[in-house]
Amino acid sequence: MSGADPLSVLRDRRSRAALALPAPPRETLQEILVAACSAPDHARLRPWRFIVVEETAREALGDAFAAAHAEREPNAGAADLRRTRAKALRAPLIVVVVSAPREHPKVPFWEQRASAACVAYGVVLAAHARGVGAMWRTGWYGDAPKVRAHLGIDDGEEVMGWVYLGTPAGAEPAPRPAAEPPVTWLG
């Protein structure tokens, strides 16, 4: 995929639900993260950070997910908690994209969070450009105190996404049908 037409990268990217070993090597991951950091960033605040969860750290994250689930739903059964724990094992590597906005006289918090969302999308796009499968997930786990404590997420920060990375497995996703963008032309 290296050297692909940038518009093709945008058009052809698909979420990969099935991700297997191997995870991208650290050099490739570093390249992906650096590319993602080219997102729009008013005042160069870099209002985001990454937490990379790999190897056995995924199991510990799964335990934090399960503990948060048990706290949220005290009647959750063992099978439910096993499924929750397994969410951290969906891929060989997870990049947690954390929005870390701060006070600035010209850049409101919403714009800083939007920049962090662009960074998360940049991770997905850069992964695709390098032939790495990616799936951007969200969910309430990023708000759960047990998960936040486990990951060291501070007050005022929020999880923009859990970007699962690995080798694409399973069937190739179907191409998206071409769509006309909803545009209002003023002129």
C-alpha atoms as a PDB file:
ATOM      1  CA  MET A   1       0.000   0.000   0.000  1.00  0.00           C
ATOM      2  CA  SER A   2       3.044   2.268   0.398  1.00  0.00           C
ATOM      3  CA  GLY A   3       3.086   5.009  -2.208  1.00  0.00           C
ATOM      4  CA  ALA A   4      -0.654   4.706  -2.862  1.00  0.00           C
ATOM      5  CA  ASP A   5      -2.652   7.628  -4.125  1.00  0.00           C
ATOM      6  CA  PRO A   6      -3.816   9.581  -1.035  1.00  0.00           C
ATOM      7  CA  LEU A   7      -7.407   9.768  -2.291  1.00  0.00           C
ATOM      8  CA  SER A   8      -7.417   6.003  -2.795  1.00  0.00           C
ATOM      9  CA  VAL A   9      -6.252   5.565   0.804  1.00  0.00           C
ATOM     10  CA  LEU A  10      -9.222   7.657   1.951  1.00  0.00           C
ATOM     11  CA  ARG A  11     -11.755   5.958  -0.350  1.00  0.00           C
ATOM     12  CA  ASP A  12     -10.572   2.378   0.120  1.00  0.00           C
ATOM     13  CA  ARG A  13     -10.033   2.283   3.885  1.00  0.00           C
ATOM     14  CA  ARG A  14     -12.330  -0.142   5.703  1.00  0.00           C
ATOM     15  CA  SER A  15     -12.536  -1.166   9.316  1.00  0.00           C
ATOM     16  CA  ARG A  16     -11.181  -4.650   9.852  1.00  0.00           C
ATOM     17  CA  ALA A  17     -13.199  -6.571  12.430  1.00  0.00           C
ATOM     18  CA  ALA A  18     -10.841  -9.572  12.335  1.00  0.00           C
ATOM     19  CA  LEU A  19      -7.273  -8.722  13.297  1.00  0.00           C
ATOM     20  CA  ALA A  20      -4.588 -11.327  13.945  1.00  0.00           C
ATOM     21  CA  LEU A  21      -0.909 -11.604  14.781  1.00  0.00           C
ATOM     22  CA  PRO A  22       1.493 -10.189  14.049  1.00  0.00           C
ATOM     23  CA  ALA A  23       1.004  -6.700  15.357  1.00  0.00           C
ATOM     24  CA  PRO A  24       2.782  -3.998  13.395  1.00  0.00           C
ATOM     25  CA  PRO A  25       6.455  -3.761  14.369  1.00  0.00           C
ATOM     26  CA  ARG A  26       7.359  -0.845  16.644  1.00  0.00           C
ATOM     27  CA  GLU A  27       9.071   1.006  13.782  1.00  0.00           C
ATOM     28  CA  THR A  28       5.890   0.831  11.693  1.00  0.00           C
ATOM     29  CA  LEU A  29       3.739   1.816  14.660  1.00  0.00           C
ATOM     30  CA  GLN A  30       5.993   4.800  15.329  1.00  0.00           C
ATOM     31  CA  GLU A  31       5.674   5.823  11.685  1.00  0.00           C
ATOM     32  CA  ILE A  32       1.857   5.523  11.942  1.00  0.00           C
ATOM     33  CA  LEU A  33       1.716   7.622  15.125  1.00  0.00           C
ATOM     34  CA  VAL A  34       4.004  10.314  13.714  1.00  0.00           C
ATOM     35  CA  ALA A  35       1.850  10.536  10.576  1.00  0.00           C
ATOM     36  CA  ALA A  36      -1.320  10.775  12.679  1.00  0.00           C
ATOM     37  CA  CYS A  37       0.138  13.741  14.558  1.00  0.00           C
ATOM     38  CA  SER A  38      -0.047  15.824  11.366  1.00  0.00           C
ATOM     39  CA  ALA A  39      -3.757  16.370  12.100  1.00  0.00           C
ATOM     40  CA  PRO A  40      -5.068  19.940  12.249  1.00  0.00           C
ATOM     41  CA  ASP A  41      -3.853  21.450  15.507  1.00  0.00           C
ATOM     42  CA  HIS A  42      -4.675  25.122  16.124  1.00  0.00           C
ATOM     43  CA  ALA A  43      -1.855  26.772  18.117  1.00  0.00           C
ATOM     44  CA  ARG A  44       0.202  23.545  17.965  1.00  0.00           C
ATOM     45  CA  LEU A  45      -1.132  22.418  21.325  1.00  0.00           C
ATOM     46  CA  ARG A  46      -0.950  18.681  20.592  1.00  0.00           C
ATOM     47  CA  PRO A  47      -4.015  18.117  22.795  1.00  0.00           C
ATOM     48  CA  TRP A  48      -3.766  14.346  22.616  1.00  0.00           C
ATOM     49  CA  ARG A  49      -1.609  11.462  23.692  1.00  0.00           C
ATOM     50  CA  PHE A  50      -1.337   7.762  22.931  1.00  0.00           C
ATOM     51  CA  ILE A  51      -1.329   4.739  25.197  1.00  0.00           C
ATOM     52  CA  VAL A  52      -0.064   1.621  23.415  1.00  0.00           C
ATOM     53  CA  VAL A  53      -1.377  -1.630  24.869  1.00  0.00           C
ATOM     54  CA  GLU A  54       0.414  -4.703  23.584  1.00  0.00           C
ATOM     55  CA  GLU A  55       1.174  -8.300  24.490  1.00  0.00           C
ATOM     56  CA  THR A  56       0.204  -9.260  28.052  1.00  0.00           C
ATOM     57  CA  ALA A  57      -0.841  -5.690  28.891  1.00  0.00           C
ATOM     58  CA  ARG A  58      -3.987  -6.456  26.855  1.00  0.00           C
ATOM     59  CA  GLU A  59      -4.952  -9.082  29.438  1.00  0.00           C
ATOM     60  CA  ALA A  60      -4.603  -6.563  32.266  1.00  0.00           C
ATOM     61  CA  LEU A  61      -6.723  -4.097  30.277  1.00  0.00           C
ATOM     62  CA  GLY A  62      -9.313  -6.847  29.786  1.00  0.00           C
ATOM     63  CA  ASP A  63      -9.349  -7.378  33.556  1.00  0.00           C
ATOM     64  CA  ALA A  64      -9.967  -3.631  34.027  1.00  0.00           C
ATOM     65  CA  PHE A  65     -12.817  -3.797  31.466  1.00  0.00           C
ATOM     66  CA  ALA A  66     -14.353  -6.741  33.345  1.00  0.00           C
ATOM     67  CA  ALA A  67     -13.981  -5.024  36.738  1.00  0.00           C
ATOM     68  CA  ALA A  68     -15.694  -1.914  35.335  1.00  0.00           C
ATOM     69  CA  HIS A  69     -18.474  -4.056  33.865  1.00  0.00           C
ATOM     70  CA  ALA A  70     -18.999  -5.836  37.194  1.00  0.00           C
ATOM     71  CA  GLU A  71     -19.161  -2.482  38.971  1.00  0.00           C
ATOM     72  CA  ARG A  72     -21.643  -1.083  36.450  1.00  0.00           C
ATOM     73  CA  GLU A  73     -23.775  -4.239  36.375  1.00  0.00           C
ATOM     74  CA  PRO A  74     -23.411  -6.122  39.678  1.00  0.00           C
ATOM     75  CA  ASN A  75     -25.608  -8.946  38.361  1.00  0.00           C
ATOM     76  CA  ALA A  76     -23.417  -9.603  35.294  1.00  0.00           C
ATOM     77  CA  GLY A  77     -22.678 -13.279  34.934  1.00  0.00           C
ATOM     78  CA  ALA A  78     -19.330 -14.969  34.483  1.00  0.00           C
ATOM     79  CA  ALA A  79     -19.950 -15.439  30.729  1.00  0.00           C
ATOM     80  CA  ASP A  80     -20.731 -11.727  30.332  1.00  0.00           C
ATOM     81  CA  LEU A  81     -17.525 -10.766  32.129  1.00  0.00           C
ATOM     82  CA  ARG A  82     -15.496 -13.214  29.997  1.00  0.00           C
ATOM     83  CA  ARG A  83     -16.869 -11.571  26.835  1.00  0.00           C
ATOM     84  CA  THR A  84     -16.032  -8.147  28.234  1.00  0.00           C
ATOM     85  CA  ARG A  85     -12.517  -9.254  29.188  1.00  0.00           C
ATOM     86  CA  ALA A  86     -12.015 -10.609  25.648  1.00  0.00           C
ATOM     87  CA  LYS A  87     -12.653  -7.165  24.108  1.00  0.00           C
ATOM     88  CA  ALA A  88      -9.048  -6.258  24.908  1.00  0.00           C
ATOM     89  CA  LEU A  89      -7.868  -9.310  22.952  1.00  0.00           C
ATOM     90  CA  ARG A  90      -9.623  -8.462  19.666  1.00  0.00           C
ATOM     91  CA  ALA A  91      -6.294  -7.506  18.126  1.00  0.00           C
ATOM     92  CA  PRO A  92      -2.620  -7.947  18.973  1.00  0.00           C
ATOM     93  CA  LEU A  93      -2.216  -4.233  19.719  1.00  0.00           C
ATOM     94  CA  ILE A  94      -4.432  -1.368  20.863  1.00  0.00           C
ATOM     95  CA  VAL A  95      -3.654   2.317  20.557  1.00  0.00           C
ATOM     96  CA  VAL A  96      -5.740   4.298  23.017  1.00  0.00           C
ATOM     97  CA  VAL A  97      -6.094   7.839  21.692  1.00  0.00           C
ATOM     98  CA  VAL A  98      -6.604  10.221  24.596  1.00  0.00           C
ATOM     99  CA  SER A  99      -7.861  13.770  24.177  1.00  0.00           C
ATOM    100  CA  ALA A 100      -5.928  16.014  26.564  1.00  0.00           C
ATOM    101  CA  PRO A 101      -7.307  19.545  26.104  1.00  0.00           C
ATOM    102  CA  ARG A 102      -6.077  22.450  28.175  1.00  0.00           C
ATOM    103  CA  GLU A 103      -7.010  26.069  28.719  1.00  0.00           C
ATOM    104  CA  HIS A 104      -6.034  28.334  25.855  1.00  0.00           C
ATOM    105  CA  PRO A 105      -7.262  31.870  25.102  1.00  0.00           C
ATOM    106  CA  LYS A 106      -7.947  31.151  21.410  1.00  0.00           C
ATOM    107  CA  VAL A 107      -8.547  27.394  21.145  1.00  0.00           C
ATOM    108  CA  PRO A 108     -11.721  26.111  22.836  1.00  0.00           C
ATOM    109  CA  PHE A 109     -11.911  22.625  24.312  1.00  0.00           C
ATOM    110  CA  TRP A 110     -14.255  21.401  21.563  1.00  0.00           C
ATOM    111  CA  GLU A 111     -11.673  22.271  18.913  1.00  0.00           C
ATOM    112  CA  GLN A 112      -8.948  20.472  20.831  1.00  0.00           C
ATOM    113  CA  ARG A 113     -11.165  17.364  21.145  1.00  0.00           C
ATOM    114  CA  ALA A 114     -11.867  17.581  17.412  1.00  0.00           C
ATOM    115  CA  SER A 115      -8.118  17.653  16.786  1.00  0.00           C
ATOM    116  CA  ALA A 116      -7.710  14.505  18.905  1.00  0.00           C
ATOM    117  CA  ALA A 117     -10.481  12.821  16.899  1.00  0.00           C
ATOM    118  CA  CYS A 118      -8.598  13.722  13.718  1.00  0.00           C
ATOM    119  CA  VAL A 119      -5.490  12.116  15.216  1.00  0.00           C
ATOM    120  CA  ALA A 120      -7.437   8.910  15.891  1.00  0.00           C
ATOM    121  CA  TYR A 121      -8.624   8.887  12.281  1.00  0.00           C
ATOM    122  CA  GLY A 122      -5.053   9.569  11.218  1.00  0.00           C
ATOM    123  CA  VAL A 123      -3.930   6.418  13.044  1.00  0.00           C
ATOM    124  CA  VAL A 124      -6.529   4.408  11.122  1.00  0.00           C
ATOM    125  CA  LEU A 125      -5.608   5.978   7.769  1.00  0.00           C
ATOM    126  CA  ALA A 126      -1.845   5.641   8.283  1.00  0.00           C
ATOM    127  CA  ALA A 127      -2.301   2.016   9.336  1.00  0.00           C
ATOM    128  CA  HIS A 128      -4.273   1.338   6.162  1.00  0.00           C
ATOM    129  CA  ALA A 129      -1.593   3.063   4.068  1.00  0.00           C
ATOM    130  CA  ARG A 130       0.982   0.700   5.586  1.00  0.00           C
ATOM    131  CA  GLY A 131      -1.144  -2.440   5.092  1.00  0.00           C
ATOM    132  CA  VAL A 132      -2.002  -2.752   8.793  1.00  0.00           C
ATOM    133  CA  GLY A 133      -5.592  -3.644   9.641  1.00  0.00           C
ATOM    134  CA  ALA A 134      -7.379  -1.214  11.946  1.00  0.00           C
ATOM    135  CA  MET A 135     -10.687  -0.867  13.769  1.00  0.00           C
ATOM    136  CA  TRP A 136     -11.595   2.326  15.680  1.00  0.00           C
ATOM    137  CA  ARG A 137     -13.927   1.558  18.571  1.00  0.00           C
ATOM    138  CA  THR A 138     -15.503   3.707  21.261  1.00  0.00           C
ATOM    139  CA  GLY A 139     -17.625   2.893  24.274  1.00  0.00           C
ATOM    140  CA  TRP A 140     -18.262   3.598  27.900  1.00  0.00           C
ATOM    141  CA  TYR A 141     -15.108   1.839  29.134  1.00  0.00           C
ATOM    142  CA  GLY A 142     -13.105   5.030  28.625  1.00  0.00           C
ATOM    143  CA  ASP A 143     -15.363   6.734  31.164  1.00  0.00           C
ATOM    144  CA  ALA A 144     -15.174   3.917  33.733  1.00  0.00           C
ATOM    145  CA  PRO A 145     -13.110   4.915  36.803  1.00  0.00           C
ATOM    146  CA  LYS A 146     -11.434   1.474  37.026  1.00  0.00           C
ATOM    147  CA  VAL A 147     -10.310   1.609  33.382  1.00  0.00           C
ATOM    148  CA  ARG A 148      -9.218   5.239  33.616  1.00  0.00           C
ATOM    149  CA  ALA A 149      -7.176   4.480  36.736  1.00  0.00           C
ATOM    150  CA  HIS A 150      -5.639   1.422  35.085  1.00  0.00           C
ATOM    151  CA  LEU A 151      -4.525   3.496  32.072  1.00  0.00           C
ATOM    152  CA  GLY A 152      -3.545   6.616  34.036  1.00  0.00           C
ATOM    153  CA  ILE A 153      -6.121   8.846  32.349  1.00  0.00           C
ATOM    154  CA  ASP A 154      -6.360  12.149  34.195  1.00  0.00           C
ATOM    155  CA  ASP A 155      -9.422  14.234  34.982  1.00  0.00           C
ATOM    156  CA  GLY A 156     -10.109  16.461  32.003  1.00  0.00           C
ATOM    157  CA  GLU A 157      -8.851  13.817  29.572  1.00  0.00           C
ATOM    158  CA  GLU A 158     -11.078  11.479  27.602  1.00  0.00           C
ATOM    159  CA  VAL A 159     -10.675   8.417  25.450  1.00  0.00           C
ATOM    160  CA  MET A 160     -11.336   9.414  21.827  1.00  0.00           C
ATOM    161  CA  GLY A 161     -11.034   5.840  20.697  1.00  0.00           C
ATOM    162  CA  TRP A 162      -9.594   2.392  21.060  1.00  0.00           C
ATOM    163  CA  VAL A 163      -7.776   1.752  17.771  1.00  0.00           C
ATOM    164  CA  TYR A 164      -7.233  -1.972  17.363  1.00  0.00           C
ATOM    165  CA  LEU A 165      -4.310  -2.842  15.058  1.00  0.00           C
ATOM    166  CA  GLY A 166      -3.072  -6.085  13.566  1.00  0.00           C
ATOM    167  CA  THR A 167      -2.794  -8.187  10.465  1.00  0.00           C
ATOM    168  CA  PRO A 168      -6.040  -8.214   8.495  1.00  0.00           C
ATOM    169  CA  ALA A 169      -7.755 -11.601   8.760  1.00  0.00           C
ATOM    170  CA  GLY A 170     -10.959 -12.976   7.343  1.00  0.00           C
ATOM    171  CA  ALA A 171     -12.801 -11.810   4.277  1.00  0.00           C
ATOM    172  CA  GLU A 172     -11.989  -8.502   2.658  1.00  0.00           C
ATOM    173  CA  PRO A 173     -14.647  -5.924   3.607  1.00  0.00           C
ATOM    174  CA  ALA A 174     -17.050  -5.039   0.834  1.00  0.00           C
ATOM    175  CA  PRO A 175     -16.274  -1.822  -0.994  1.00  0.00           C
ATOM    176  CA  ARG A 176     -18.417   1.153  -0.129  1.00  0.00           C
ATOM    177  CA  PRO A 177     -20.852   2.194  -2.800  1.00  0.00           C
ATOM    178  CA  ALA A 178     -19.993   5.534  -4.361  1.00  0.00           C
ATOM    179  CA  ALA A 179     -21.992   8.328  -2.782  1.00  0.00           C
ATOM    180  CA  GLU A 180     -22.727  11.866  -3.703  1.00  0.00           C
ATOM    181  CA  PRO A 181     -21.696  14.115  -0.831  1.00  0.00           C
ATOM    182  CA  PRO A 182     -24.466  16.281   0.610  1.00  0.00           C
ATOM    183  CA  VAL A 183     -23.328  19.722  -0.520  1.00  0.00           C
ATOM    184  CA  THR A 184     -24.971  23.113  -0.508  1.00  0.00           C
ATOM    185  CA  TRP A 185     -23.284  25.305  -3.104  1.00  0.00           C
ATOM    186  CA  LEU A 186     -23.340  29.031  -2.456  1.00  0.00           C
ATOM    187  CA  GLY A 187     -22.143  31.294  -5.125  1.00  0.00           C
END
